[in-house]
Amino acid sequence: MLVITGLLAHALLIGGPVTRALAGASWVSRHPQAALRLWHSCALGLLASVSGALVLAAHDLWEHGMVWLFHADKPLIHAAYGGAWQARGITEAALLALLLGMTGLSWTAARRSLRVRRARDRHRLTADAQGSHGRGDDPAVRVLAHAAPAAFCIPGPPGRSRIVVTTAAQDLLSPEELAATLEHERAHLRLRHHRAILTADVLTAALGWMGLLRPYAHQVRRLAEMAADDQAARKHGRRTVASALLEMCTAPGTADPAPPGAVAMTGPDPAERIRRLISAPPAVPGRLSRALTGTAAAVALAVPVLVAMAPAVLLANTAHLPGTG
């Protein structure tokens, strides 16, 4: 019972206070890519804790595995993981909850993935059929005739990703601003932000109803835009990226910032991003910051495993000790 309580406490801690603190932390805007990794680690750690608690509640399966893995005494393992707290039907209820949870998560992931893929296929078909090739030597760029300024990328398999810019955006932006905008979209594709966004959407839909991980999906989108801004700024300058973003956001008739399945330049929190680009100096992650975020991510993922396996580790090689069995 103590192990299950520890796992549930870890899940509640990550899903509540830790994610709220992470969402309000000021350092994440200086190191958005590191913050993205930490968000994903927290989400996976929470999922591992909840799943582990259900597996332990269905104690027979787990206990047999621990006895075999650590050559431990079965009654001692049962006392550590099961004990007198087990009520009639708890194993069946835990297995049912685990099965329903896994089925629901898989269904949500499959449904959202299919919907996003279909939307991307439609956008890609439109871009290829109605768009013209952009300036320069990038075969992925398409220019669509449209009265509203917009720029977004359509992720896809190798050779099928597209970066779409409307004629209104092309006319609105200077050559330097347009180049920065294209680099921003290339960064989204290069860093695979579309996968991070889909993962966050699925886990938020699966766990958000419990009040856990509610800021996850929005924060991933916000940090992905900041990370892409930084990539573009390294090549074209922070003020150029900020100017392009400001022009795109304030132009009359600006298009919907994110077509379904795409990742757009004018994504979440553009005002915050512009202030950040203009006022904040570029932050270069040092060894200490990388070590700290890496350690925090590792702890979030490792704690469920350590808590779940600690009793079995302590009882390792007790199968044939005198007085056991």
C-alpha atoms as a PDB file:
ATOM      1  CA  MET A   1       0.000   0.000   0.000  1.00  0.00           C
ATOM      2  CA  LEU A   2       2.894   2.341   0.791  1.00  0.00           C
ATOM      3  CA  VAL A   3       4.365   1.895  -2.695  1.00  0.00           C
ATOM      4  CA  ILE A   4       1.057   2.627  -4.430  1.00  0.00           C
ATOM      5  CA  THR A   5       0.586   5.688  -2.230  1.00  0.00           C
ATOM      6  CA  GLY A   6       4.060   6.880  -3.199  1.00  0.00           C
ATOM      7  CA  LEU A   7       3.328   6.466  -6.903  1.00  0.00           C
ATOM      8  CA  LEU A   8       0.013   8.304  -6.668  1.00  0.00           C
ATOM      9  CA  ALA A   9       1.649  11.076  -4.628  1.00  0.00           C
ATOM     10  CA  HIS A  10       4.317  11.430  -7.306  1.00  0.00           C
ATOM     11  CA  ALA A  11       1.627  11.647 -10.010  1.00  0.00           C
ATOM     12  CA  LEU A  12      -0.338  14.287  -8.093  1.00  0.00           C
ATOM     13  CA  LEU A  13       2.819  16.264  -7.356  1.00  0.00           C
ATOM     14  CA  ILE A  14       3.890  16.339 -11.000  1.00  0.00           C
ATOM     15  CA  GLY A  15       0.412  16.905 -12.404  1.00  0.00           C
ATOM     16  CA  GLY A  16      -0.408  19.701  -9.965  1.00  0.00           C
ATOM     17  CA  PRO A  17       2.198  21.883  -8.203  1.00  0.00           C
ATOM     18  CA  VAL A  18       5.150  20.973 -10.431  1.00  0.00           C
ATOM     19  CA  THR A  19       3.384  21.721 -13.720  1.00  0.00           C
ATOM     20  CA  ARG A  20       1.875  24.928 -12.338  1.00  0.00           C
ATOM     21  CA  ALA A  21       5.315  26.067 -11.198  1.00  0.00           C
ATOM     22  CA  LEU A  22       6.852  25.116 -14.520  1.00  0.00           C
ATOM     23  CA  ALA A  23       4.149  27.006 -16.423  1.00  0.00           C
ATOM     24  CA  GLY A  24       4.899  30.168 -14.445  1.00  0.00           C
ATOM     25  CA  ALA A  25       8.687  29.885 -14.352  1.00  0.00           C
ATOM     26  CA  SER A  26      10.598  32.734 -15.975  1.00  0.00           C
ATOM     27  CA  TRP A  27      13.627  30.656 -17.009  1.00  0.00           C
ATOM     28  CA  VAL A  28      11.653  28.583 -19.536  1.00  0.00           C
ATOM     29  CA  SER A  29      11.456  31.497 -21.975  1.00  0.00           C
ATOM     30  CA  ARG A  30      15.263  31.694 -21.949  1.00  0.00           C
ATOM     31  CA  HIS A  31      15.699  27.969 -22.608  1.00  0.00           C
ATOM     32  CA  PRO A  32      12.517  26.857 -24.408  1.00  0.00           C
ATOM     33  CA  GLN A  33      13.914  23.691 -25.954  1.00  0.00           C
ATOM     34  CA  ALA A  34      15.189  22.444 -22.586  1.00  0.00           C
ATOM     35  CA  ALA A  35      11.842  23.342 -21.019  1.00  0.00           C
ATOM     36  CA  LEU A  36      10.056  21.318 -23.700  1.00  0.00           C
ATOM     37  CA  ARG A  37      12.079  18.240 -22.764  1.00  0.00           C
ATOM     38  CA  LEU A  38      11.258  18.785 -19.108  1.00  0.00           C
ATOM     39  CA  TRP A  39       7.524  19.104 -19.855  1.00  0.00           C
ATOM     40  CA  HIS A  40       7.563  15.827 -21.784  1.00  0.00           C
ATOM     41  CA  SER A  41       9.482  14.098 -19.001  1.00  0.00           C
ATOM     42  CA  CYS A  42       6.958  15.285 -16.423  1.00  0.00           C
ATOM     43  CA  ALA A  43       4.050  14.071 -18.554  1.00  0.00           C
ATOM     44  CA  LEU A  44       5.619  10.660 -19.116  1.00  0.00           C
ATOM     45  CA  GLY A  45       6.586  10.426 -15.443  1.00  0.00           C
ATOM     46  CA  LEU A  46       2.999  11.106 -14.413  1.00  0.00           C
ATOM     47  CA  LEU A  47       1.706   8.507 -16.869  1.00  0.00           C
ATOM     48  CA  ALA A  48       4.251   5.987 -15.560  1.00  0.00           C
ATOM     49  CA  SER A  49       3.209   6.656 -11.950  1.00  0.00           C
ATOM     50  CA  VAL A  50      -0.502   6.171 -12.629  1.00  0.00           C
ATOM     51  CA  SER A  51       0.134   3.049 -14.710  1.00  0.00           C
ATOM     52  CA  GLY A  52       2.504   1.678 -12.086  1.00  0.00           C
ATOM     53  CA  ALA A  53      -0.026   2.205  -9.304  1.00  0.00           C
ATOM     54  CA  LEU A  54      -2.643   0.253 -11.258  1.00  0.00           C
ATOM     55  CA  VAL A  55      -0.192  -2.547 -12.052  1.00  0.00           C
ATOM     56  CA  LEU A  56       0.767  -2.808  -8.377  1.00  0.00           C
ATOM     57  CA  ALA A  57      -2.873  -2.828  -7.326  1.00  0.00           C
ATOM     58  CA  ALA A  58      -3.269  -5.846  -9.612  1.00  0.00           C
ATOM     59  CA  HIS A  59      -0.581  -7.336  -7.401  1.00  0.00           C
ATOM     60  CA  ASP A  60      -0.454 -10.952  -8.637  1.00  0.00           C
ATOM     61  CA  LEU A  61       1.046 -10.076 -12.015  1.00  0.00           C
ATOM     62  CA  TRP A  62       3.607  -7.673 -10.545  1.00  0.00           C
ATOM     63  CA  GLU A  63       4.554  -9.944  -7.647  1.00  0.00           C
ATOM     64  CA  HIS A  64       5.271 -12.901  -9.911  1.00  0.00           C
ATOM     65  CA  GLY A  65       7.488 -10.670 -12.031  1.00  0.00           C
ATOM     66  CA  MET A  66       9.426  -9.362  -9.034  1.00  0.00           C
ATOM     67  CA  VAL A  67       9.909 -12.852  -7.570  1.00  0.00           C
ATOM     68  CA  TRP A  68      11.332 -14.067 -10.867  1.00  0.00           C
ATOM     69  CA  LEU A  69      13.448 -10.975 -11.578  1.00  0.00           C
ATOM     70  CA  PHE A  70      15.047 -10.596  -8.141  1.00  0.00           C
ATOM     71  CA  HIS A  71      14.916 -14.231  -6.952  1.00  0.00           C
ATOM     72  CA  ALA A  72      12.975 -13.022  -3.952  1.00  0.00           C
ATOM     73  CA  ASP A  73      10.842 -14.867  -1.419  1.00  0.00           C
ATOM     74  CA  LYS A  74       7.238 -14.896  -2.630  1.00  0.00           C
ATOM     75  CA  PRO A  75       5.518 -14.419   0.790  1.00  0.00           C
ATOM     76  CA  LEU A  76       7.805 -11.486   1.572  1.00  0.00           C
ATOM     77  CA  ILE A  77       7.113  -9.923  -1.811  1.00  0.00           C
ATOM     78  CA  HIS A  78       3.394 -10.398  -1.270  1.00  0.00           C
ATOM     79  CA  ALA A  79       3.630  -8.790   2.149  1.00  0.00           C
ATOM     80  CA  ALA A  80       5.522  -5.833   0.689  1.00  0.00           C
ATOM     81  CA  TYR A  81       3.223  -5.225  -2.276  1.00  0.00           C
ATOM     82  CA  GLY A  82      -0.086  -6.802  -1.337  1.00  0.00           C
ATOM     83  CA  GLY A  83      -0.601  -7.427   2.325  1.00  0.00           C
ATOM     84  CA  ALA A  84      -3.764  -7.197   4.329  1.00  0.00           C
ATOM     85  CA  TRP A  85      -5.042  -4.040   2.636  1.00  0.00           C
ATOM     86  CA  GLN A  86      -6.063  -5.955  -0.493  1.00  0.00           C
ATOM     87  CA  ALA A  87      -9.847  -6.050  -0.777  1.00  0.00           C
ATOM     88  CA  ARG A  88     -11.858  -8.606  -2.706  1.00  0.00           C
ATOM     89  CA  GLY A  89     -11.973  -7.723  -6.393  1.00  0.00           C
ATOM     90  CA  ILE A  90      -9.198  -5.118  -6.216  1.00  0.00           C
ATOM     91  CA  THR A  91      -7.033  -7.034  -8.691  1.00  0.00           C
ATOM     92  CA  GLU A  92      -9.807  -7.310 -11.249  1.00  0.00           C
ATOM     93  CA  ALA A  93     -10.767  -3.642 -10.786  1.00  0.00           C
ATOM     94  CA  ALA A  94      -7.171  -2.476 -11.214  1.00  0.00           C
ATOM     95  CA  LEU A  95      -6.662  -4.590 -14.326  1.00  0.00           C
ATOM     96  CA  LEU A  96      -9.926  -3.284 -15.779  1.00  0.00           C
ATOM     97  CA  ALA A  97      -8.936   0.318 -15.067  1.00  0.00           C
ATOM     98  CA  LEU A  98      -5.510  -0.259 -16.613  1.00  0.00           C
ATOM     99  CA  LEU A  99      -7.034  -1.874 -19.696  1.00  0.00           C
ATOM    100  CA  LEU A 100      -9.613   0.869 -20.115  1.00  0.00           C
ATOM    101  CA  GLY A 101      -6.975   3.550 -19.624  1.00  0.00           C
ATOM    102  CA  MET A 102      -4.622   2.023 -22.190  1.00  0.00           C
ATOM    103  CA  THR A 103      -7.472   1.525 -24.633  1.00  0.00           C
ATOM    104  CA  GLY A 104      -8.679   5.099 -24.170  1.00  0.00           C
ATOM    105  CA  LEU A 105      -5.201   6.532 -24.583  1.00  0.00           C
ATOM    106  CA  SER A 106      -4.556   4.437 -27.705  1.00  0.00           C
ATOM    107  CA  TRP A 107      -7.935   5.397 -29.169  1.00  0.00           C
ATOM    108  CA  THR A 108      -7.344   9.083 -28.505  1.00  0.00           C
ATOM    109  CA  ALA A 109      -3.864   8.929 -30.037  1.00  0.00           C
ATOM    110  CA  ALA A 110      -5.061   7.045 -33.123  1.00  0.00           C
ATOM    111  CA  ARG A 111      -8.070   9.303 -33.680  1.00  0.00           C
ATOM    112  CA  ARG A 112      -6.117  12.535 -33.308  1.00  0.00           C
ATOM    113  CA  SER A 113      -3.220  11.261 -35.415  1.00  0.00           C
ATOM    114  CA  LEU A 114      -5.576  10.272 -38.215  1.00  0.00           C
ATOM    115  CA  ARG A 115      -7.406  13.597 -38.084  1.00  0.00           C
ATOM    116  CA  VAL A 116      -4.161  15.558 -38.162  1.00  0.00           C
ATOM    117  CA  ARG A 117      -2.755  13.445 -40.997  1.00  0.00           C
ATOM    118  CA  ARG A 118      -5.870  13.972 -43.106  1.00  0.00           C
ATOM    119  CA  ALA A 119      -5.760  17.725 -42.498  1.00  0.00           C
ATOM    120  CA  ARG A 120      -2.090  17.850 -43.486  1.00  0.00           C
ATOM    121  CA  ASP A 121      -2.767  15.849 -46.643  1.00  0.00           C
ATOM    122  CA  ARG A 122      -5.498  18.328 -47.633  1.00  0.00           C
ATOM    123  CA  HIS A 123      -3.252  21.336 -46.997  1.00  0.00           C
ATOM    124  CA  ARG A 124      -0.343  19.719 -48.855  1.00  0.00           C
ATOM    125  CA  LEU A 125      -2.556  18.904 -51.837  1.00  0.00           C
ATOM    126  CA  THR A 126      -3.835  22.484 -51.943  1.00  0.00           C
ATOM    127  CA  ALA A 127      -0.320  23.907 -51.635  1.00  0.00           C
ATOM    128  CA  ASP A 128       1.004  21.711 -54.446  1.00  0.00           C
ATOM    129  CA  ALA A 129      -1.981  22.208 -56.739  1.00  0.00           C
ATOM    130  CA  GLN A 130      -2.544  25.949 -56.275  1.00  0.00           C
ATOM    131  CA  GLY A 131       0.800  27.243 -54.993  1.00  0.00           C
ATOM    132  CA  SER A 132       3.874  28.282 -56.892  1.00  0.00           C
ATOM    133  CA  HIS A 133       7.445  27.544 -55.913  1.00  0.00           C
ATOM    134  CA  GLY A 134       8.950  30.216 -53.699  1.00  0.00           C
ATOM    135  CA  ARG A 135      12.071  32.171 -54.297  1.00  0.00           C
ATOM    136  CA  GLY A 136      15.368  30.519 -53.555  1.00  0.00           C
ATOM    137  CA  ASP A 137      16.397  26.891 -53.798  1.00  0.00           C
ATOM    138  CA  ASP A 138      14.109  25.371 -51.160  1.00  0.00           C
ATOM    139  CA  PRO A 139      11.770  22.936 -52.982  1.00  0.00           C
ATOM    140  CA  ALA A 140       9.498  22.715 -49.938  1.00  0.00           C
ATOM    141  CA  VAL A 141       8.352  26.359 -50.108  1.00  0.00           C
ATOM    142  CA  ARG A 142       5.002  27.125 -51.743  1.00  0.00           C
ATOM    143  CA  VAL A 143       3.444  30.541 -52.318  1.00  0.00           C
ATOM    144  CA  LEU A 144      -0.362  30.655 -52.267  1.00  0.00           C
ATOM    145  CA  ALA A 145      -2.374  33.536 -53.662  1.00  0.00           C
ATOM    146  CA  HIS A 146      -4.359  34.824 -50.671  1.00  0.00           C
ATOM    147  CA  ALA A 147      -5.395  38.242 -49.395  1.00  0.00           C
ATOM    148  CA  ALA A 148      -4.513  37.427 -45.759  1.00  0.00           C
ATOM    149  CA  PRO A 149      -0.862  37.268 -44.619  1.00  0.00           C
ATOM    150  CA  ALA A 150       0.056  33.822 -43.295  1.00  0.00           C
ATOM    151  CA  ALA A 151       3.042  31.513 -43.045  1.00  0.00           C
ATOM    152  CA  PHE A 152       2.964  27.950 -41.776  1.00  0.00           C
ATOM    153  CA  CYS A 153       4.594  24.565 -42.230  1.00  0.00           C
ATOM    154  CA  ILE A 154       2.923  21.268 -43.095  1.00  0.00           C
ATOM    155  CA  PRO A 155       4.937  18.393 -41.601  1.00  0.00           C
ATOM    156  CA  GLY A 156       5.261  15.180 -43.530  1.00  0.00           C
ATOM    157  CA  PRO A 157       7.583  12.313 -44.462  1.00  0.00           C
ATOM    158  CA  PRO A 158      10.973  13.141 -46.020  1.00  0.00           C
ATOM    159  CA  GLY A 159      10.424  15.166 -49.164  1.00  0.00           C
ATOM    160  CA  ARG A 160       6.744  15.840 -48.421  1.00  0.00           C
ATOM    161  CA  SER A 161       6.987  18.605 -45.822  1.00  0.00           C
ATOM    162  CA  ARG A 162       5.846  21.996 -47.056  1.00  0.00           C
ATOM    163  CA  ILE A 163       6.336  25.604 -45.988  1.00  0.00           C
ATOM    164  CA  VAL A 164       3.454  27.767 -47.174  1.00  0.00           C
ATOM    165  CA  VAL A 165       3.553  31.555 -47.475  1.00  0.00           C
ATOM    166  CA  THR A 166       0.680  33.612 -48.861  1.00  0.00           C
ATOM    167  CA  THR A 167       1.200  36.326 -51.447  1.00  0.00           C
ATOM    168  CA  ALA A 168      -0.069  38.860 -48.906  1.00  0.00           C
ATOM    169  CA  ALA A 169       2.699  37.862 -46.480  1.00  0.00           C
ATOM    170  CA  GLN A 170       5.266  37.953 -49.260  1.00  0.00           C
ATOM    171  CA  ASP A 171       4.199  41.478 -50.216  1.00  0.00           C
ATOM    172  CA  LEU A 172       4.015  42.608 -46.582  1.00  0.00           C
ATOM    173  CA  LEU A 173       7.429  41.444 -45.384  1.00  0.00           C
ATOM    174  CA  SER A 174      10.829  42.733 -46.367  1.00  0.00           C
ATOM    175  CA  PRO A 175      13.254  40.209 -47.923  1.00  0.00           C
ATOM    176  CA  GLU A 176      15.049  39.898 -44.563  1.00  0.00           C
ATOM    177  CA  GLU A 177      11.774  39.405 -42.660  1.00  0.00           C
ATOM    178  CA  LEU A 178      10.553  36.844 -45.192  1.00  0.00           C
ATOM    179  CA  ALA A 179      13.808  34.900 -44.892  1.00  0.00           C
ATOM    180  CA  ALA A 180      13.486  34.932 -41.090  1.00  0.00           C
ATOM    181  CA  THR A 181       9.900  33.702 -41.359  1.00  0.00           C
ATOM    182  CA  LEU A 182      10.906  30.803 -43.598  1.00  0.00           C
ATOM    183  CA  GLU A 183      13.736  29.902 -41.230  1.00  0.00           C
ATOM    184  CA  HIS A 184      11.261  29.922 -38.328  1.00  0.00           C
ATOM    185  CA  GLU A 185       9.119  27.347 -40.137  1.00  0.00           C
ATOM    186  CA  ARG A 186      12.150  25.245 -41.099  1.00  0.00           C
ATOM    187  CA  ALA A 187      13.072  25.159 -37.404  1.00  0.00           C
ATOM    188  CA  HIS A 188       9.650  23.725 -36.548  1.00  0.00           C
ATOM    189  CA  LEU A 189      10.205  20.927 -39.050  1.00  0.00           C
ATOM    190  CA  ARG A 190      13.826  20.339 -38.053  1.00  0.00           C
ATOM    191  CA  LEU A 191      13.012  20.140 -34.329  1.00  0.00           C
ATOM    192  CA  ARG A 192       9.896  17.997 -34.974  1.00  0.00           C
ATOM    193  CA  HIS A 193       7.651  20.272 -32.969  1.00  0.00           C
ATOM    194  CA  HIS A 194       4.587  18.757 -34.613  1.00  0.00           C
ATOM    195  CA  ARG A 195       5.292  15.486 -32.772  1.00  0.00           C
ATOM    196  CA  ALA A 196       5.684  17.297 -29.460  1.00  0.00           C
ATOM    197  CA  ILE A 197       2.384  19.112 -30.011  1.00  0.00           C
ATOM    198  CA  LEU A 198       0.519  15.919 -30.907  1.00  0.00           C
ATOM    199  CA  THR A 199       1.931  14.121 -27.849  1.00  0.00           C
ATOM    200  CA  ALA A 200       0.881  16.993 -25.589  1.00  0.00           C
ATOM    201  CA  ASP A 201      -2.605  17.117 -27.109  1.00  0.00           C
ATOM    202  CA  VAL A 202      -3.128  13.381 -26.620  1.00  0.00           C
ATOM    203  CA  LEU A 203      -1.886  13.242 -23.025  1.00  0.00           C
ATOM    204  CA  THR A 204      -3.768  16.407 -22.061  1.00  0.00           C
ATOM    205  CA  ALA A 205      -6.982  14.959 -23.496  1.00  0.00           C
ATOM    206  CA  ALA A 206      -6.370  11.677 -21.676  1.00  0.00           C
ATOM    207  CA  LEU A 207      -5.378  13.098 -18.274  1.00  0.00           C
ATOM    208  CA  GLY A 208      -6.669  16.658 -18.234  1.00  0.00           C
ATOM    209  CA  TRP A 209     -10.134  15.624 -17.062  1.00  0.00           C
ATOM    210  CA  MET A 210      -8.534  14.663 -13.732  1.00  0.00           C
ATOM    211  CA  GLY A 211      -7.182  18.187 -13.356  1.00  0.00           C
ATOM    212  CA  LEU A 212      -3.643  17.007 -14.137  1.00  0.00           C
ATOM    213  CA  LEU A 213      -1.351  18.436 -16.831  1.00  0.00           C
ATOM    214  CA  ARG A 214      -3.868  21.094 -17.831  1.00  0.00           C
ATOM    215  CA  PRO A 215      -1.218  23.631 -18.988  1.00  0.00           C
ATOM    216  CA  TYR A 216       0.745  20.991 -20.910  1.00  0.00           C
ATOM    217  CA  ALA A 217      -0.634  21.406 -24.449  1.00  0.00           C
ATOM    218  CA  HIS A 218      -0.597  25.221 -24.389  1.00  0.00           C
ATOM    219  CA  GLN A 219       2.886  25.371 -22.896  1.00  0.00           C
ATOM    220  CA  VAL A 220       4.283  23.015 -25.534  1.00  0.00           C
ATOM    221  CA  ARG A 221       2.889  25.223 -28.305  1.00  0.00           C
ATOM    222  CA  ARG A 222       4.210  28.362 -26.603  1.00  0.00           C
ATOM    223  CA  LEU A 223       7.701  26.965 -26.049  1.00  0.00           C
ATOM    224  CA  ALA A 224       7.863  25.463 -29.545  1.00  0.00           C
ATOM    225  CA  GLU A 225       7.277  28.922 -31.024  1.00  0.00           C
ATOM    226  CA  MET A 226       9.976  30.429 -28.824  1.00  0.00           C
ATOM    227  CA  ALA A 227      12.428  27.700 -29.789  1.00  0.00           C
ATOM    228  CA  ALA A 228      11.720  28.305 -33.487  1.00  0.00           C
ATOM    229  CA  ASP A 229      12.108  32.066 -32.933  1.00  0.00           C
ATOM    230  CA  ASP A 230      15.552  31.455 -31.425  1.00  0.00           C
ATOM    231  CA  GLN A 231      16.608  29.264 -34.343  1.00  0.00           C
ATOM    232  CA  ALA A 232      15.571  31.942 -36.846  1.00  0.00           C
ATOM    233  CA  ALA A 233      17.168  34.698 -34.744  1.00  0.00           C
ATOM    234  CA  ARG A 234      20.553  32.975 -34.752  1.00  0.00           C
ATOM    235  CA  LYS A 235      20.628  33.300 -38.530  1.00  0.00           C
ATOM    236  CA  HIS A 236      18.733  36.547 -39.175  1.00  0.00           C
ATOM    237  CA  GLY A 237      18.819  38.489 -35.899  1.00  0.00           C
ATOM    238  CA  ARG A 238      16.299  38.825 -33.081  1.00  0.00           C
ATOM    239  CA  ARG A 239      14.918  42.174 -34.200  1.00  0.00           C
ATOM    240  CA  THR A 240      14.299  40.895 -37.718  1.00  0.00           C
ATOM    241  CA  VAL A 241      12.286  37.955 -36.369  1.00  0.00           C
ATOM    242  CA  ALA A 242      10.390  40.280 -34.006  1.00  0.00           C
ATOM    243  CA  SER A 243       9.659  42.710 -36.849  1.00  0.00           C
ATOM    244  CA  ALA A 244       8.356  39.920 -39.086  1.00  0.00           C
ATOM    245  CA  LEU A 245       6.130  38.594 -36.309  1.00  0.00           C
ATOM    246  CA  LEU A 246       4.799  42.071 -35.524  1.00  0.00           C
ATOM    247  CA  GLU A 247       4.015  42.755 -39.190  1.00  0.00           C
ATOM    248  CA  MET A 248       2.209  39.422 -39.534  1.00  0.00           C
ATOM    249  CA  CYS A 249       0.162  39.851 -36.378  1.00  0.00           C
ATOM    250  CA  THR A 250      -0.917  43.469 -36.902  1.00  0.00           C
ATOM    251  CA  ALA A 251      -1.678  43.372 -40.626  1.00  0.00           C
ATOM    252  CA  PRO A 252      -5.375  43.729 -41.541  1.00  0.00           C
ATOM    253  CA  GLY A 253      -7.051  40.425 -42.292  1.00  0.00           C
ATOM    254  CA  THR A 254      -4.378  38.189 -40.765  1.00  0.00           C
ATOM    255  CA  ALA A 255      -5.328  34.576 -41.356  1.00  0.00           C
ATOM    256  CA  ASP A 256      -6.093  31.966 -38.721  1.00  0.00           C
ATOM    257  CA  PRO A 257      -2.745  31.482 -36.912  1.00  0.00           C
ATOM    258  CA  ALA A 258      -2.713  27.704 -37.143  1.00  0.00           C
ATOM    259  CA  PRO A 259      -4.593  25.775 -39.829  1.00  0.00           C
ATOM    260  CA  PRO A 260      -5.471  22.271 -38.610  1.00  0.00           C
ATOM    261  CA  GLY A 261      -2.448  20.012 -38.771  1.00  0.00           C
ATOM    262  CA  ALA A 262      -0.025  22.876 -39.473  1.00  0.00           C
ATOM    263  CA  VAL A 263       2.328  24.969 -37.321  1.00  0.00           C
ATOM    264  CA  ALA A 264       2.110  28.701 -38.024  1.00  0.00           C
ATOM    265  CA  MET A 265       4.442  31.668 -37.561  1.00  0.00           C
ATOM    266  CA  THR A 266       1.777  33.642 -35.695  1.00  0.00           C
ATOM    267  CA  GLY A 267       1.270  30.974 -33.062  1.00  0.00           C
ATOM    268  CA  PRO A 268       0.457  31.349 -29.354  1.00  0.00           C
ATOM    269  CA  ASP A 269       1.394  34.445 -27.334  1.00  0.00           C
ATOM    270  CA  PRO A 270       2.870  36.604 -30.134  1.00  0.00           C
ATOM    271  CA  ALA A 271       3.028  39.698 -27.899  1.00  0.00           C
ATOM    272  CA  GLU A 272       5.146  37.844 -25.332  1.00  0.00           C
ATOM    273  CA  ARG A 273       7.388  36.496 -28.075  1.00  0.00           C
ATOM    274  CA  ILE A 274       7.944  39.954 -29.581  1.00  0.00           C
ATOM    275  CA  ARG A 275       8.841  41.442 -26.179  1.00  0.00           C
ATOM    276  CA  ARG A 276      11.171  38.538 -25.540  1.00  0.00           C
ATOM    277  CA  LEU A 277      12.948  38.939 -28.870  1.00  0.00           C
ATOM    278  CA  ILE A 278      13.389  42.686 -28.465  1.00  0.00           C
ATOM    279  CA  SER A 279      14.223  43.013 -24.780  1.00  0.00           C
ATOM    280  CA  ALA A 280      15.818  39.756 -23.682  1.00  0.00           C
ATOM    281  CA  PRO A 281      19.395  38.957 -24.710  1.00  0.00           C
ATOM    282  CA  PRO A 282      19.907  35.610 -26.409  1.00  0.00           C
ATOM    283  CA  ALA A 283      20.470  32.849 -23.871  1.00  0.00           C
ATOM    284  CA  VAL A 284      23.025  30.201 -24.712  1.00  0.00           C
ATOM    285  CA  PRO A 285      22.392  27.088 -22.613  1.00  0.00           C
ATOM    286  CA  GLY A 286      25.513  26.327 -20.613  1.00  0.00           C
ATOM    287  CA  ARG A 287      26.637  23.059 -19.164  1.00  0.00           C
ATOM    288  CA  LEU A 288      25.069  23.836 -15.789  1.00  0.00           C
ATOM    289  CA  SER A 289      21.612  24.642 -17.192  1.00  0.00           C
ATOM    290  CA  ARG A 290      21.671  21.551 -19.415  1.00  0.00           C
ATOM    291  CA  ALA A 291      22.767  19.427 -16.471  1.00  0.00           C
ATOM    292  CA  LEU A 292      20.023  20.806 -14.224  1.00  0.00           C
ATOM    293  CA  THR A 293      17.194  20.344 -16.725  1.00  0.00           C
ATOM    294  CA  GLY A 294      18.531  16.922 -17.690  1.00  0.00           C
ATOM    295  CA  THR A 295      18.672  15.875 -14.044  1.00  0.00           C
ATOM    296  CA  ALA A 296      15.138  17.139 -13.377  1.00  0.00           C
ATOM    297  CA  ALA A 297      13.823  15.283 -16.431  1.00  0.00           C
ATOM    298  CA  ALA A 298      15.621  12.095 -15.375  1.00  0.00           C
ATOM    299  CA  VAL A 299      14.215  12.340 -11.842  1.00  0.00           C
ATOM    300  CA  ALA A 300      10.647  12.773 -13.120  1.00  0.00           C
ATOM    301  CA  LEU A 301      10.998   9.611 -15.199  1.00  0.00           C
ATOM    302  CA  ALA A 302      13.056   7.567 -12.728  1.00  0.00           C
ATOM    303  CA  VAL A 303      11.041   8.109  -9.539  1.00  0.00           C
ATOM    304  CA  PRO A 304       8.095   5.860 -10.560  1.00  0.00           C
ATOM    305  CA  VAL A 305      10.476   3.031 -11.450  1.00  0.00           C
ATOM    306  CA  LEU A 306      12.516   3.411  -8.264  1.00  0.00           C
ATOM    307  CA  VAL A 307       9.459   3.600  -6.008  1.00  0.00           C
ATOM    308  CA  ALA A 308       7.829   0.587  -7.653  1.00  0.00           C
ATOM    309  CA  MET A 309      10.910  -1.623  -7.537  1.00  0.00           C
ATOM    310  CA  ALA A 310      12.449  -0.560  -4.218  1.00  0.00           C
ATOM    311  CA  PRO A 311      10.763  -3.250  -2.051  1.00  0.00           C
ATOM    312  CA  ALA A 312      11.759  -5.992  -4.509  1.00  0.00           C
ATOM    313  CA  VAL A 313      15.349  -4.745  -4.615  1.00  0.00           C
ATOM    314  CA  LEU A 314      15.513  -4.834  -0.818  1.00  0.00           C
ATOM    315  CA  LEU A 315      14.221  -8.424  -0.872  1.00  0.00           C
ATOM    316  CA  ALA A 316      16.532  -9.631  -3.652  1.00  0.00           C
ATOM    317  CA  ASN A 317      17.977 -13.150  -3.249  1.00  0.00           C
ATOM    318  CA  THR A 318      15.777 -14.002  -0.276  1.00  0.00           C
ATOM    319  CA  ALA A 319      14.083 -16.980  -1.932  1.00  0.00           C
ATOM    320  CA  HIS A 320      16.151 -19.622  -0.126  1.00  0.00           C
ATOM    321  CA  LEU A 321      17.138 -17.860   3.089  1.00  0.00           C
ATOM    322  CA  PRO A 322      16.472 -19.752   6.330  1.00  0.00           C
ATOM    323  CA  GLY A 323      13.098 -18.895   7.795  1.00  0.00           C
ATOM    324  CA  THR A 324      11.569 -17.785   4.499  1.00  0.00           C
ATOM    325  CA  GLY A 325       9.221 -19.517   2.096  1.00  0.00           C
END
